[in-house]
C-alpha atoms as a PDB file:
ATOM      1  CA  MET A   1      68.371 114.763 217.847  1.00  0.00           C
ATOM      2  CA  LEU A   2      69.079 112.316 220.862  1.00  0.00           C
ATOM      3  CA  ALA A   3      65.603 110.732 219.887  1.00  0.00           C
ATOM      4  CA  GLN A   4      67.617 108.947 216.558  1.00  0.00           C
ATOM      5  CA  ILE A   5      70.666 107.688 218.521  1.00  0.00           C
ATOM      6  CA  GLN A   6      69.471 104.079 216.990  1.00  0.00           C
ATOM      7  CA  VAL A   7      70.100 105.377 213.613  1.00  0.00           C
ATOM      8  CA  MET A   8      73.403 106.687 214.131  1.00  0.00           C
ATOM      9  CA  LYS A   9      74.454 103.356 215.931  1.00  0.00           C
ATOM     10  CA  HIS A  10      74.341 101.948 212.217  1.00  0.00           C
ATOM     11  CA  LEU A  11      77.822 103.857 211.525  1.00  0.00           C
ATOM     12  CA  TYR A  12      79.063 104.288 215.523  1.00  0.00           C
ATOM     13  CA  PRO A  13      77.985 100.839 217.112  1.00  0.00           C
ATOM     14  CA  LYS A  14      79.964 102.212 220.241  1.00  0.00           C
ATOM     15  CA  LEU A  15      78.084 105.178 220.803  1.00  0.00           C
ATOM     16  CA  THR A  16      76.282 106.043 224.421  1.00  0.00           C
ATOM     17  CA  LEU A  17      73.317 108.002 224.441  1.00  0.00           C
ATOM     18  CA  ALA A  18      75.563 109.857 227.131  1.00  0.00           C
ATOM     19  CA  LYS A  19      78.669 110.255 224.834  1.00  0.00           C
ATOM     20  CA  TYR A  20      75.847 111.403 221.987  1.00  0.00           C
ATOM     21  CA  GLN A  21      74.170 114.136 224.067  1.00  0.00           C
ATOM     22  CA  LEU A  22      77.603 115.505 225.188  1.00  0.00           C
ATOM     23  CA  TYR A  23      78.774 115.540 221.650  1.00  0.00           C
ATOM     24  CA  LEU A  24      75.438 117.114 220.183  1.00  0.00           C
ATOM     25  CA  GLN A  25      76.072 119.975 223.431  1.00  0.00           C
ATOM     26  CA  ASP A  26      79.558 121.066 221.836  1.00  0.00           C
ATOM     27  CA  MET A  27      78.346 120.768 218.058  1.00  0.00           C
ATOM     28  CA  VAL A  28      74.894 122.412 218.005  1.00  0.00           C
ATOM     29  CA  PRO A  29      76.050 125.747 219.170  1.00  0.00           C
ATOM     30  CA  HIS A  30      78.752 125.452 216.306  1.00  0.00           C
ATOM     31  CA  ASN A  31      76.226 125.446 213.539  1.00  0.00           C
ATOM     32  CA  TYR A  32      75.523 121.742 213.572  1.00  0.00           C
ATOM     33  CA  LYS A  33      72.252 120.459 212.542  1.00  0.00           C
ATOM     34  CA  GLN A  34      70.597 117.535 211.301  1.00  0.00           C
ATOM     35  CA  VAL A  35      67.920 116.382 208.250  1.00  0.00           C
ATOM     36  CA  ALA A  36      66.016 113.134 208.889  1.00  0.00           C
ATOM     37  CA  ILE A  37      63.633 111.220 207.056  1.00  0.00           C
ATOM     38  CA  PHE A  38      60.918 109.484 208.333  1.00  0.00           C
ATOM     39  CA  GLU A  39      58.758 106.513 207.482  1.00  0.00           C
ATOM     40  CA  LYS A  40      55.472 107.019 209.504  1.00  0.00           C
ATOM     41  CA  GLU A  41      56.977 107.011 212.887  1.00  0.00           C
ATOM     42  CA  VAL A  42      60.496 105.342 211.998  1.00  0.00           C
ATOM     43  CA  CYS A  43      63.670 107.570 210.973  1.00  0.00           C
ATOM     44  CA  VAL A  44      65.159 105.948 207.992  1.00  0.00           C
ATOM     45  CA  GLY A  45      67.967 108.172 207.095  1.00  0.00           C
ATOM     46  CA  ILE A  46      69.532 111.208 208.844  1.00  0.00           C
ATOM     47  CA  SER A  47      72.419 113.425 207.924  1.00  0.00           C
ATOM     48  CA  GLY A  48      74.370 116.162 210.090  1.00  0.00           C
ATOM     49  CA  TYR A  49      75.332 119.430 208.341  1.00  0.00           C
ATOM     50  CA  TRP A  50      77.506 122.437 209.256  1.00  0.00           C
ATOM     51  CA  THR A  51      77.725 125.872 207.687  1.00  0.00           C
ATOM     52  CA  GLY A  52      80.942 127.554 207.787  1.00  0.00           C
ATOM     53  CA  THR A  53      83.187 129.907 205.528  1.00  0.00           C
ATOM     54  CA  LYS A  54      86.767 129.202 204.438  1.00  0.00           C
ATOM     55  CA  LEU A  55      89.198 131.198 202.699  1.00  0.00           C
ATOM     56  CA  TRP A  56      89.468 129.010 199.452  1.00  0.00           C
ATOM     57  CA  CYS A  57      85.922 128.682 199.159  1.00  0.00           C
ATOM     58  CA  GLY A  58      83.521 131.098 201.023  1.00  0.00           C
ATOM     59  CA  LYS A  59      80.631 129.768 202.601  1.00  0.00           C
ATOM     60  CA  TYR A  60      79.734 126.071 202.552  1.00  0.00           C
ATOM     61  CA  ILE A  61      77.906 123.239 203.800  1.00  0.00           C
ATOM     62  CA  GLU A  62      79.762 120.083 205.079  1.00  0.00           C
ATOM     63  CA  LEU A  63      77.508 116.995 205.514  1.00  0.00           C
ATOM     64  CA  ASP A  64      78.520 114.640 208.193  1.00  0.00           C
ATOM     65  CA  ASN A  65      77.205 111.351 209.418  1.00  0.00           C
ATOM     66  CA  PHE A  66      75.495 110.319 206.658  1.00  0.00           C
ATOM     67  CA  ILE A  67      73.235 107.473 207.263  1.00  0.00           C
ATOM     68  CA  VAL A  68      70.220 105.432 205.998  1.00  0.00           C
ATOM     69  CA  SER A  69      69.363 102.176 207.739  1.00  0.00           C
ATOM     70  CA  PRO A  70      70.520  99.148 206.150  1.00  0.00           C
ATOM     71  CA  ASP A  71      66.907  97.767 205.600  1.00  0.00           C
ATOM     72  CA  HIS A  72      65.949 101.153 203.641  1.00  0.00           C
ATOM     73  CA  ARG A  73      68.730 101.424 201.252  1.00  0.00           C
ATOM     74  CA  SER A  74      68.837 101.789 197.582  1.00  0.00           C
ATOM     75  CA  LYS A  75      64.949 103.453 197.916  1.00  0.00           C
ATOM     76  CA  GLY A  76      66.134 106.739 197.033  1.00  0.00           C
ATOM     77  CA  ILE A  77      66.375 108.189 200.634  1.00  0.00           C
ATOM     78  CA  GLY A  78      69.768 109.115 200.527  1.00  0.00           C
ATOM     79  CA  LYS A  79      68.901 111.194 197.320  1.00  0.00           C
ATOM     80  CA  ILE A  80      66.027 112.998 198.946  1.00  0.00           C
ATOM     81  CA  ILE A  81      69.042 114.026 201.590  1.00  0.00           C
ATOM     82  CA  THR A  82      71.581 115.282 199.174  1.00  0.00           C
ATOM     83  CA  ASP A  83      69.021 116.961 196.821  1.00  0.00           C
ATOM     84  CA  TYR A  84      67.632 118.933 200.166  1.00  0.00           C
ATOM     85  CA  ILE A  85      71.400 119.641 201.217  1.00  0.00           C
ATOM     86  CA  ASN A  86      71.754 121.235 197.470  1.00  0.00           C
ATOM     87  CA  ASP A  87      68.618 123.002 197.505  1.00  0.00           C
ATOM     88  CA  LYS A  88      70.003 124.410 200.965  1.00  0.00           C
ATOM     89  CA  ALA A  89      73.306 125.441 199.933  1.00  0.00           C
ATOM     90  CA  GLU A  90      71.875 127.186 196.921  1.00  0.00           C
ATOM     91  CA  GLU A  91      69.240 129.029 199.291  1.00  0.00           C
ATOM     92  CA  ILE A  92      71.834 130.439 201.687  1.00  0.00           C
ATOM     93  CA  GLY A  93      74.430 131.040 199.041  1.00  0.00           C
ATOM     94  CA  CYS A  94      77.128 128.586 199.478  1.00  0.00           C
ATOM     95  CA  THR A  95      79.707 127.656 196.906  1.00  0.00           C
ATOM     96  CA  ASN A  96      80.021 124.089 197.347  1.00  0.00           C
ATOM     97  CA  ILE A  97      79.014 121.034 199.557  1.00  0.00           C
ATOM     98  CA  VAL A  98      81.511 118.988 201.404  1.00  0.00           C
ATOM     99  CA  LEU A  99      81.576 115.458 202.803  1.00  0.00           C
ATOM    100  CA  ASP A 100      84.269 113.244 204.324  1.00  0.00           C
ATOM    101  CA  ALA A 101      83.778 109.093 203.460  1.00  0.00           C
ATOM    102  CA  PHE A 102      85.745 106.604 205.340  1.00  0.00           C
ATOM    103  CA  THR A 103      88.490 104.992 202.712  1.00  0.00           C
ATOM    104  CA  THR A 104      86.902 101.442 203.084  1.00  0.00           C
ATOM    105  CA  ASN A 105      83.060 102.946 202.289  1.00  0.00           C
ATOM    106  CA  PHE A 106      83.250 101.853 198.584  1.00  0.00           C
ATOM    107  CA  ALA A 107      79.386 101.830 198.528  1.00  0.00           C
ATOM    108  CA  ALA A 108      79.169 105.433 200.235  1.00  0.00           C
ATOM    109  CA  HIS A 109      82.040 106.115 197.286  1.00  0.00           C
ATOM    110  CA  ARG A 110      79.584 105.003 194.600  1.00  0.00           C
ATOM    111  CA  PHE A 111      76.900 107.007 196.040  1.00  0.00           C
ATOM    112  CA  TYR A 112      78.540 110.186 196.199  1.00  0.00           C
ATOM    113  CA  TYR A 113      79.615 109.959 193.036  1.00  0.00           C
ATOM    114  CA  ASN A 114      76.263 109.190 191.332  1.00  0.00           C
ATOM    115  CA  GLN A 115      75.259 112.418 193.434  1.00  0.00           C
ATOM    116  CA  GLY A 116      77.887 114.600 191.782  1.00  0.00           C
ATOM    117  CA  TYR A 117      80.493 114.706 194.543  1.00  0.00           C
ATOM    118  CA  GLY A 118      83.964 113.768 193.115  1.00  0.00           C
ATOM    119  CA  PRO A 119      87.579 114.217 195.595  1.00  0.00           C
ATOM    120  CA  LYS A 120      89.410 117.188 195.765  1.00  0.00           C
ATOM    121  CA  GLY A 121      91.746 116.479 198.188  1.00  0.00           C
ATOM    122  CA  PHE A 122      92.674 114.025 201.295  1.00  0.00           C
ATOM    123  CA  HIS A 123      91.551 114.552 204.656  1.00  0.00           C
ATOM    124  CA  PHE A 124      94.511 113.758 206.787  1.00  0.00           C
ATOM    125  CA  VAL A 125      93.912 112.575 210.515  1.00  0.00           C
ATOM    126  CA  LYS A 126      96.605 111.980 212.949  1.00  0.00           C
ATOM    127  CA  ILE A 127      94.633 109.765 215.847  1.00  0.00           C
ATOM    128  CA  LEU A 128      95.977 111.045 219.451  1.00  0.00           C
ATOM    129  CA  ASN A 129      93.899 108.700 221.260  1.00  0.00           C
ATOM    130  CA  GLU A 130      92.543 105.562 219.994  1.00  0.00           C
ATOM    131  CA  GLU A 131      90.450 104.680 223.106  1.00  0.00           C
ATOM    132  CA  GLY A 132      88.570 108.101 222.657  1.00  0.00           C
ATOM    133  CA  LEU A 133      86.991 106.995 218.845  1.00  0.00           C
ATOM    134  CA  THR A 134      83.514 106.393 218.270  1.00  0.00           C
END
């Protein structure tokens, strides 16, 4: 996962290797995994995902940090990732797949709508430390 930091930096330009490593140490023990698409030796798309259980829906998968390198967008890479996650969710008995997209990321909204995703509610955030954000 650490080897793909350059792809992660497309979404989080301030992410350092040290911070990424620290976060992964916390995340991986809590069911965080990644799926990546490579063109030869180069990672061109990546998404993290979590599995969990909630009272309202039972078992689910949550997509997180979904990124396709800018020069590889509109080539079907995002669809390969969402198809993989969909198959994975069905395989392990999930009732749904969830994700967050920044409210200003209209290209992502369009992509997710085209993949069959739609808003179910609001994800409210109360930022306590602006400097701590990546």
